[in-house]
Amino acid sequence: MNKINHFKNTVINFIDRHRIWSSAIILFVLFMLFIASPAPPKPVLTEKVKKGDLVQSISITGTVTAEKSVDLSFQIAGKLAWLGVRKGDYVDTYQAIAVLDQRSAQKTLEKTLLDYSLARSTFDETLEDNQNRTPQEALNNEVKRILERNQWNLEKAVNSVELQDLVKQQSVLTSPIAGIVTRADVRVAGVNITGETVFTVTDPESLKFTMEVDEADISKVKENQKVVLTLDPFPDKNLELLLDSIDFVTHSTSTGGNAYNVEAKMPPNTDYQYRVGMNGNAQIIIARKDNVLIIPLSSIVNDDKVIVKTKADFRRKTIKIGLANDISAQVSSGLEEGDEVVIEPSSVTLDTNAGSRFPSIGRFLRIPGARFGR
């Protein structure tokens, strides 16, 4: 007991006389104990093998377009006498949209009709003078030429009338389809317009969702495949469409790659909630398996191995993979429903998943971690 008290007093006196050295020694001992202590074992995350539906799809963006949309303009310039629509109006098939001033065209048509009447009268008179003979029945070449010129003058007059009637018809602009006027470059009548003045009519019932599929994926895409679409204006609403058109010719994308346009018809649009130009994200379903065993894709090693958690340890198992997507994979054989697989196989090693903060020191104090069973 005296020896213990003597050692205790000696230590206290040393610390009291060498406070700086004593503090340094204490800190050094504490540091060595800290770095030599083993790190806490990392948790091993697992997930149970379960049954579910597995979908393989192509994620793609696209835009709502219209299959039926026409740009209308007058073939001739003139003064706009009547305007029957404005932007946003609905028009029927062959409904008049606008009319140019027809007074000049009407007067010219009347003049050509008079010219025709004169040519017709001359034609009939010449025909009577020659006993209603045709040029092929003429008595001589001179009469033949007279009858031919008579026929040509009449045909010329007829053509002039038809041409001028066509000019008058072209002063009336009509829509070949039913739809909404989505563009009107002029808003009031009484102004001069040219052939560059445009009216656009779009059929709201002909909307399609158009997507660009990279050439690397186009072989997986077929007509009548299901498309699950979410439009940006309706993030909580999924639309189920059918792929109904695939371009035969490729085109260059904005990034310099090659792609094909594919289209899916939009659902009925009677209340016009879907509009041209809306963007969205789509999933083209290229394969589907229902009620199959599913595991996380991240749990698979070398395409056919997983680490399974048992009551005693972790074991490696060989499996066979079926359908897979970016997240999950179908297990065809090697596992059963309820088995637990390690989500991140790298978190489990052959030796340990725990150790000291510094291997050179921790190897002396290593605590066994997760190990594979044999």
Protein backbone atom coordinates (compact mmCIF):
# COMPACT_ATOMS: atom_id res chain seq x y z
CA MET A 1 0.00 0.00 0.00
CA ASN A 2 2.87 2.33 0.76
CA LYS A 3 4.39 1.56 -2.65
CA ILE A 4 1.13 2.48 -4.38
CA ASN A 5 0.87 5.74 -2.46
CA HIS A 6 4.50 6.50 -3.20
CA PHE A 7 3.99 5.89 -6.97
CA LYS A 8 0.86 8.00 -6.90
CA ASN A 9 2.64 10.89 -5.18
CA THR A 10 5.56 10.59 -7.60
CA VAL A 11 3.23 10.85 -10.62
CA ILE A 12 1.38 13.80 -9.12
CA ASN A 13 4.66 15.60 -8.37
CA PHE A 14 5.93 14.90 -11.89
CA ILE A 15 2.75 16.24 -13.44
CA ASP A 16 2.86 19.27 -11.22
CA ARG A 17 6.49 20.03 -12.12
CA HIS A 18 6.15 19.18 -15.86
CA ARG A 19 2.68 20.34 -16.76
CA ILE A 20 3.42 20.90 -20.49
CA TRP A 21 5.06 17.50 -20.98
CA SER A 22 2.34 15.83 -18.97
CA SER A 23 -0.40 17.39 -21.11
CA ALA A 24 1.38 16.33 -24.30
CA ILE A 25 1.75 12.75 -23.09
CA ILE A 26 -1.93 12.54 -22.10
CA LEU A 27 -3.07 13.91 -25.49
CA PHE A 28 -0.81 11.47 -27.33
CA VAL A 29 -2.21 8.51 -25.39
CA LEU A 30 -5.78 9.63 -26.06
CA PHE A 31 -5.02 10.08 -29.80
CA MET A 32 -3.51 6.60 -30.06
CA LEU A 33 -6.53 5.10 -28.34
CA PHE A 34 -8.83 6.97 -30.76
CA ILE A 35 -7.14 5.88 -33.98
CA ALA A 36 -6.67 2.32 -32.75
CA SER A 37 -10.36 1.89 -31.88
CA PRO A 38 -12.34 -0.01 -34.55
CA ALA A 39 -14.82 1.87 -36.73
CA PRO A 40 -18.45 0.92 -36.24
CA PRO A 41 -19.60 -1.68 -38.73
CA LYS A 42 -21.48 -0.33 -41.74
CA PRO A 43 -25.12 -1.40 -41.89
CA VAL A 44 -25.88 -3.91 -44.60
CA LEU A 45 -29.07 -2.91 -46.43
CA THR A 46 -31.21 -5.74 -47.75
CA GLU A 47 -34.48 -6.11 -49.59
CA LYS A 48 -36.85 -9.05 -49.71
CA VAL A 49 -37.52 -10.82 -52.98
CA LYS A 50 -41.14 -10.12 -53.86
CA LYS A 51 -43.60 -10.69 -56.65
CA GLY A 52 -44.81 -7.87 -58.83
CA ASP A 53 -45.25 -6.52 -62.33
CA LEU A 54 -42.10 -5.61 -64.23
CA VAL A 55 -42.20 -3.15 -67.12
CA GLN A 56 -39.42 -2.47 -69.60
CA SER A 57 -39.84 0.86 -71.33
CA ILE A 58 -38.15 3.67 -73.21
CA SER A 59 -38.34 7.03 -71.45
CA ILE A 60 -38.73 9.85 -73.91
CA THR A 61 -39.94 13.43 -74.16
CA GLY A 62 -42.18 14.85 -76.84
CA THR A 63 -44.66 17.50 -77.94
CA VAL A 64 -48.33 17.62 -78.85
CA THR A 65 -48.76 18.27 -82.58
CA ALA A 66 -51.69 18.35 -85.00
CA GLU A 67 -51.99 15.95 -87.92
CA LYS A 68 -54.48 18.25 -89.65
CA SER A 69 -53.33 21.85 -89.78
CA VAL A 70 -53.43 24.11 -92.87
CA ASP A 71 -51.98 27.52 -93.69
CA LEU A 72 -54.30 29.50 -95.96
CA SER A 73 -53.51 32.61 -98.01
CA PHE A 74 -54.83 34.38 -101.10
CA GLN A 75 -53.06 33.64 -104.38
CA ILE A 76 -53.45 37.26 -105.42
CA ALA A 77 -52.97 40.55 -103.63
CA GLY A 78 -55.85 42.93 -103.10
CA LYS A 79 -58.04 44.84 -100.71
CA LEU A 80 -59.73 42.76 -98.01
CA ALA A 81 -63.45 43.46 -98.35
CA TRP A 82 -64.81 41.01 -95.77
CA LEU A 83 -63.32 39.12 -92.80
CA GLY A 84 -65.47 36.37 -91.34
CA VAL A 85 -63.29 34.95 -88.57
CA ARG A 86 -60.83 35.93 -85.89
CA LYS A 87 -58.22 33.97 -84.00
CA GLY A 88 -59.82 31.33 -81.76
CA ASP A 89 -63.00 30.92 -83.84
CA TYR A 90 -64.16 27.48 -84.95
CA VAL A 91 -64.84 27.00 -88.68
CA ASP A 92 -66.53 24.19 -90.61
CA THR A 93 -65.22 22.46 -93.70
CA TYR A 94 -65.36 24.77 -96.77
CA GLN A 95 -66.52 27.73 -94.66
CA ALA A 96 -65.52 31.13 -96.06
CA ILE A 97 -62.89 32.92 -94.01
CA ALA A 98 -62.26 36.14 -95.94
CA VAL A 99 -63.13 37.79 -99.28
CA LEU A 100 -61.15 40.25 -101.38
CA ASP A 101 -62.71 43.22 -103.15
CA GLN A 102 -64.39 41.59 -106.20
CA ARG A 103 -65.48 44.70 -108.11
CA SER A 104 -62.54 44.71 -110.49
CA ALA A 105 -62.74 40.95 -110.99
CA GLN A 106 -66.48 41.18 -111.61
CA LYS A 107 -66.10 43.91 -114.24
CA THR A 108 -63.35 41.99 -116.01
CA LEU A 109 -65.50 38.87 -115.97
CA GLU A 110 -68.39 40.79 -117.52
CA LYS A 111 -66.07 42.08 -120.26
CA THR A 112 -64.79 38.59 -121.05
CA LEU A 113 -68.38 37.32 -121.20
CA LEU A 114 -69.14 40.00 -123.79
CA ASP A 115 -66.04 38.99 -125.75
CA TYR A 116 -67.26 35.43 -125.61
CA SER A 117 -70.69 36.41 -126.88
CA LEU A 118 -69.11 38.24 -129.79
CA ALA A 119 -66.83 35.28 -130.58
CA ARG A 120 -69.78 32.92 -130.38
CA SER A 121 -71.83 35.00 -132.77
CA THR A 122 -68.98 35.15 -135.26
CA PHE A 123 -68.42 31.41 -134.91
CA ASP A 124 -72.07 30.60 -135.62
CA GLU A 125 -72.20 32.98 -138.60
CA THR A 126 -69.04 31.54 -140.15
CA LEU A 127 -70.32 28.03 -139.59
CA GLU A 128 -73.61 28.82 -141.34
CA ASP A 129 -71.80 30.41 -144.28
CA ASN A 130 -69.93 27.15 -144.78
CA GLN A 131 -72.96 24.87 -144.44
CA ASN A 132 -71.93 23.73 -140.93
CA ARG A 133 -68.85 21.99 -142.21
CA THR A 134 -65.96 21.14 -139.91
CA PRO A 135 -62.38 22.05 -140.89
CA GLN A 136 -61.89 18.42 -141.96
CA GLU A 137 -64.87 18.74 -144.33
CA ALA A 138 -63.75 22.02 -145.93
CA LEU A 139 -63.89 22.26 -149.74
CA ASN A 140 -60.38 23.71 -150.00
CA ASN A 141 -57.44 24.78 -147.87
CA GLU A 142 -58.54 28.42 -147.65
CA VAL A 143 -61.93 27.48 -146.24
CA LYS A 144 -60.22 25.01 -143.91
CA ARG A 145 -58.04 27.78 -142.45
CA ILE A 146 -61.11 30.03 -142.01
CA LEU A 147 -62.96 27.35 -140.10
CA GLU A 148 -59.90 26.55 -137.92
CA ARG A 149 -59.42 30.20 -136.96
CA ASN A 150 -63.13 30.41 -136.20
CA GLN A 151 -62.86 27.45 -133.83
CA TRP A 152 -59.70 28.83 -132.16
CA ASN A 153 -61.26 32.24 -131.52
CA LEU A 154 -64.22 30.62 -129.82
CA GLU A 155 -62.02 28.42 -127.63
CA LYS A 156 -59.89 31.45 -126.71
CA ALA A 157 -62.99 33.34 -125.62
CA VAL A 158 -64.15 30.37 -123.52
CA ASN A 159 -60.75 30.11 -121.83
CA SER A 160 -60.76 33.82 -121.03
CA VAL A 161 -64.13 33.49 -119.31
CA GLU A 162 -62.99 30.46 -117.32
CA LEU A 163 -59.75 32.17 -116.27
CA GLN A 164 -61.54 35.30 -115.12
CA ASP A 165 -64.11 33.24 -113.25
CA LEU A 166 -61.21 31.46 -111.52
CA VAL A 167 -59.74 34.84 -110.52
CA LYS A 168 -63.05 35.74 -108.94
CA GLN A 169 -63.19 32.41 -107.10
CA GLN A 170 -59.68 32.98 -105.78
CA SER A 171 -60.85 36.17 -104.13
CA VAL A 172 -62.78 34.00 -101.65
CA LEU A 173 -60.68 32.13 -99.04
CA THR A 174 -62.25 28.95 -97.62
CA SER A 175 -61.02 26.30 -95.19
CA PRO A 176 -60.63 22.74 -96.50
CA ILE A 177 -60.91 21.32 -92.95
CA ALA A 178 -62.94 21.98 -89.82
CA GLY A 179 -61.02 23.35 -86.87
CA ILE A 180 -59.89 26.32 -84.83
CA VAL A 181 -58.36 29.43 -86.36
CA THR A 182 -54.97 29.45 -84.63
CA ARG A 183 -53.43 32.24 -86.70
CA ALA A 184 -54.88 35.33 -88.38
CA ASP A 185 -52.39 37.88 -89.70
CA VAL A 186 -55.11 40.49 -90.22
CA ARG A 187 -57.87 41.49 -87.81
CA VAL A 188 -59.99 43.99 -89.73
CA ALA A 189 -61.32 44.33 -93.25
CA GLY A 190 -60.56 47.27 -95.54
CA VAL A 191 -56.77 46.79 -95.63
CA ASN A 192 -54.56 45.66 -98.48
CA ILE A 193 -53.11 42.17 -98.14
CA THR A 194 -50.65 40.03 -100.07
CA GLY A 195 -50.01 36.35 -100.56
CA GLU A 196 -47.94 36.40 -97.36
CA THR A 197 -51.00 37.14 -95.22
CA VAL A 198 -51.73 33.80 -93.53
CA PHE A 199 -54.67 32.20 -91.76
CA THR A 200 -54.04 28.87 -90.01
CA VAL A 201 -56.77 26.35 -89.16
CA THR A 202 -56.00 23.41 -86.84
CA ASP A 203 -58.24 20.43 -86.21
CA PRO A 204 -58.31 19.90 -82.41
CA GLU A 205 -59.43 16.30 -82.87
CA SER A 206 -56.33 15.36 -84.87
CA LEU A 207 -53.80 15.87 -82.08
CA LYS A 208 -50.88 13.48 -81.70
CA PHE A 209 -47.99 13.19 -79.29
CA THR A 210 -44.79 13.25 -81.33
CA MET A 211 -41.54 11.81 -79.95
CA GLU A 212 -37.98 11.39 -81.24
CA VAL A 213 -36.64 7.86 -80.74
CA ASP A 214 -32.90 7.41 -81.05
CA GLU A 215 -31.82 5.06 -83.82
CA ALA A 216 -30.25 2.78 -81.18
CA ASP A 217 -33.73 2.10 -79.74
CA ILE A 218 -35.91 2.21 -82.85
CA SER A 219 -35.72 -1.58 -83.36
CA LYS A 220 -37.54 -2.03 -80.04
CA VAL A 221 -40.44 0.19 -81.04
CA LYS A 222 -43.51 -1.29 -82.76
CA GLU A 223 -46.90 0.04 -83.76
CA ASN A 224 -49.74 -0.48 -81.25
CA GLN A 225 -47.33 -0.50 -78.29
CA LYS A 226 -48.71 1.16 -75.19
CA VAL A 227 -47.53 4.67 -74.37
CA VAL A 228 -48.00 6.15 -70.88
CA LEU A 229 -47.92 9.93 -71.19
CA THR A 230 -47.71 12.67 -68.58
CA LEU A 231 -48.13 16.19 -69.97
CA ASP A 232 -46.36 19.04 -68.19
CA PRO A 233 -49.62 21.01 -67.61
CA PHE A 234 -51.22 17.91 -66.01
CA PRO A 235 -48.46 16.32 -63.86
CA ASP A 236 -50.94 14.22 -61.85
CA LYS A 237 -52.71 12.72 -64.86
CA ASN A 238 -51.42 9.77 -66.89
CA LEU A 239 -52.74 9.19 -70.39
CA GLU A 240 -52.62 5.75 -72.00
CA LEU A 241 -52.10 5.97 -75.75
CA LEU A 242 -51.22 3.58 -78.57
CA LEU A 243 -48.25 4.07 -80.87
CA ASP A 244 -49.69 4.38 -84.38
CA SER A 245 -46.97 5.88 -86.58
CA ILE A 246 -43.21 5.35 -87.00
CA ASP A 247 -41.20 7.35 -89.53
CA PHE A 248 -39.44 5.30 -92.18
CA VAL A 249 -36.73 7.92 -92.75
CA THR A 250 -34.36 9.20 -90.07
CA HIS A 251 -33.53 12.84 -89.37
CA SER A 252 -30.79 14.70 -87.52
CA THR A 253 -31.51 15.88 -83.99
CA SER A 254 -30.47 19.16 -82.41
CA THR A 255 -27.53 17.36 -80.77
CA GLY A 256 -26.27 15.92 -84.05
CA GLY A 257 -27.59 12.37 -83.59
CA ASN A 258 -30.03 10.41 -85.72
CA ALA A 259 -33.60 9.77 -84.64
CA TYR A 260 -37.02 8.76 -85.92
CA ASN A 261 -40.31 10.49 -85.20
CA VAL A 262 -42.95 8.25 -83.66
CA GLU A 263 -46.50 9.33 -82.92
CA ALA A 264 -49.37 8.30 -80.69
CA LYS A 265 -52.90 9.61 -81.18
CA MET A 266 -54.19 11.77 -78.33
CA PRO A 267 -57.56 10.98 -76.66
CA PRO A 268 -60.76 12.89 -77.58
CA ASN A 269 -60.33 16.63 -77.11
CA THR A 270 -63.87 17.93 -77.05
CA ASP A 271 -63.19 20.51 -74.33
CA TYR A 272 -59.85 21.54 -75.90
CA GLN A 273 -57.83 20.77 -72.78
CA TYR A 274 -55.00 19.40 -74.94
CA ARG A 275 -53.29 22.01 -77.10
CA VAL A 276 -50.62 22.06 -79.77
CA GLY A 277 -47.16 22.63 -78.31
CA MET A 278 -47.74 21.03 -74.90
CA ASN A 279 -44.65 19.12 -73.75
CA GLY A 280 -44.61 15.90 -71.81
CA ASN A 281 -42.76 12.76 -70.74
CA ALA A 282 -43.73 9.37 -72.09
CA GLN A 283 -42.93 5.74 -71.41
CA ILE A 284 -43.10 3.49 -74.47
CA ILE A 285 -43.81 0.03 -73.06
CA ILE A 286 -41.68 -2.42 -75.03
CA ALA A 287 -42.05 -5.46 -72.71
CA ARG A 288 -43.99 -6.46 -69.60
CA LYS A 289 -44.06 -9.42 -67.18
CA ASP A 290 -46.76 -9.73 -64.51
CA ASN A 291 -46.57 -11.46 -61.13
CA VAL A 292 -42.87 -12.38 -61.31
CA LEU A 293 -40.08 -12.39 -58.71
CA ILE A 294 -38.34 -9.02 -58.62
CA ILE A 295 -35.07 -7.84 -57.06
CA PRO A 296 -33.20 -4.50 -57.25
CA LEU A 297 -30.91 -4.26 -60.25
CA SER A 298 -28.13 -2.94 -57.97
CA SER A 299 -28.06 -6.23 -56.05
CA ILE A 300 -26.83 -8.23 -59.06
CA VAL A 301 -23.11 -8.92 -59.48
CA ASN A 302 -21.62 -10.07 -62.79
CA ASP A 303 -25.11 -10.53 -64.27
CA ASP A 304 -25.83 -13.76 -62.36
CA LYS A 305 -24.79 -13.44 -58.70
CA VAL A 306 -26.44 -12.01 -55.58
CA ILE A 307 -25.59 -11.98 -51.88
CA VAL A 308 -28.33 -13.49 -49.73
CA LYS A 309 -28.73 -12.86 -46.00
CA THR A 310 -29.30 -15.94 -43.86
CA LYS A 311 -29.83 -16.29 -40.12
CA ALA A 312 -26.12 -16.97 -39.61
CA ASP A 313 -24.28 -15.09 -42.29
CA PHE A 314 -24.28 -13.86 -45.90
CA ARG A 315 -24.02 -16.28 -48.81
CA ARG A 316 -23.39 -15.87 -52.51
CA LYS A 317 -25.99 -17.37 -54.85
CA THR A 318 -26.12 -17.87 -58.59
CA ILE A 319 -29.36 -16.78 -60.23
CA LYS A 320 -30.88 -16.48 -63.68
CA ILE A 321 -32.17 -13.09 -64.81
CA GLY A 322 -35.13 -12.52 -67.12
CA LEU A 323 -36.66 -9.16 -68.03
CA ALA A 324 -34.93 -6.08 -66.57
CA ASN A 325 -35.30 -2.31 -66.57
CA ASP A 326 -33.25 0.52 -65.10
CA ILE A 327 -34.34 -0.25 -61.53
CA SER A 328 -35.39 -3.88 -61.14
CA ALA A 329 -34.86 -7.31 -62.66
CA GLN A 330 -36.89 -10.48 -62.93
CA VAL A 331 -35.46 -13.59 -61.23
CA SER A 332 -36.19 -16.69 -63.31
CA SER A 333 -34.46 -19.11 -60.95
CA GLY A 334 -32.14 -19.23 -57.92
CA LEU A 335 -34.26 -17.31 -55.40
CA GLU A 336 -37.60 -17.65 -53.69
CA GLU A 337 -40.12 -15.11 -52.54
CA GLY A 338 -39.11 -13.74 -49.13
CA ASP A 339 -35.36 -14.23 -49.56
CA GLU A 340 -33.31 -11.20 -48.51
CA VAL A 341 -30.72 -9.92 -50.97
CA VAL A 342 -28.08 -7.29 -50.25
CA ILE A 343 -28.91 -4.09 -52.13
CA GLU A 344 -25.29 -2.96 -52.37
CA PRO A 345 -23.03 -6.03 -52.63
CA SER A 346 -19.93 -3.86 -52.20
CA SER A 347 -20.99 -3.29 -48.57
CA VAL A 348 -20.21 -6.94 -47.84
CA THR A 349 -16.69 -8.35 -48.33
CA LEU A 350 -15.05 -11.73 -47.86
CA ASP A 351 -13.17 -10.49 -44.77
CA THR A 352 -15.19 -7.78 -43.08
CA ASN A 353 -17.23 -4.71 -43.58
CA ALA A 354 -15.82 -3.06 -40.46
CA GLY A 355 -12.36 -2.21 -39.18
CA SER A 356 -10.24 0.51 -37.62
CA ARG A 357 -10.06 3.98 -39.07
CA PHE A 358 -6.45 3.22 -40.00
CA PRO A 359 -5.87 -0.32 -41.37
CA SER A 360 -2.23 -0.42 -40.27
CA ILE A 361 -3.35 -0.12 -36.68
CA GLY A 362 -6.81 -1.56 -36.86
CA ARG A 363 -5.62 -4.93 -38.11
CA PHE A 364 -4.51 -5.66 -34.57
CA LEU A 365 -7.92 -4.76 -33.16
CA ARG A 366 -10.20 -5.87 -36.03
CA ILE A 367 -13.72 -6.89 -35.09
CA PRO A 368 -15.30 -9.51 -37.31
CA GLY A 369 -17.97 -8.08 -39.61
CA ALA A 370 -20.24 -9.58 -42.24
CA ARG A 371 -18.74 -12.65 -43.90
CA PHE A 372 -19.87 -14.89 -46.69
CA GLY A 373 -20.90 -18.37 -45.70
CA ARG A 374 -19.15 -21.19 -47.42
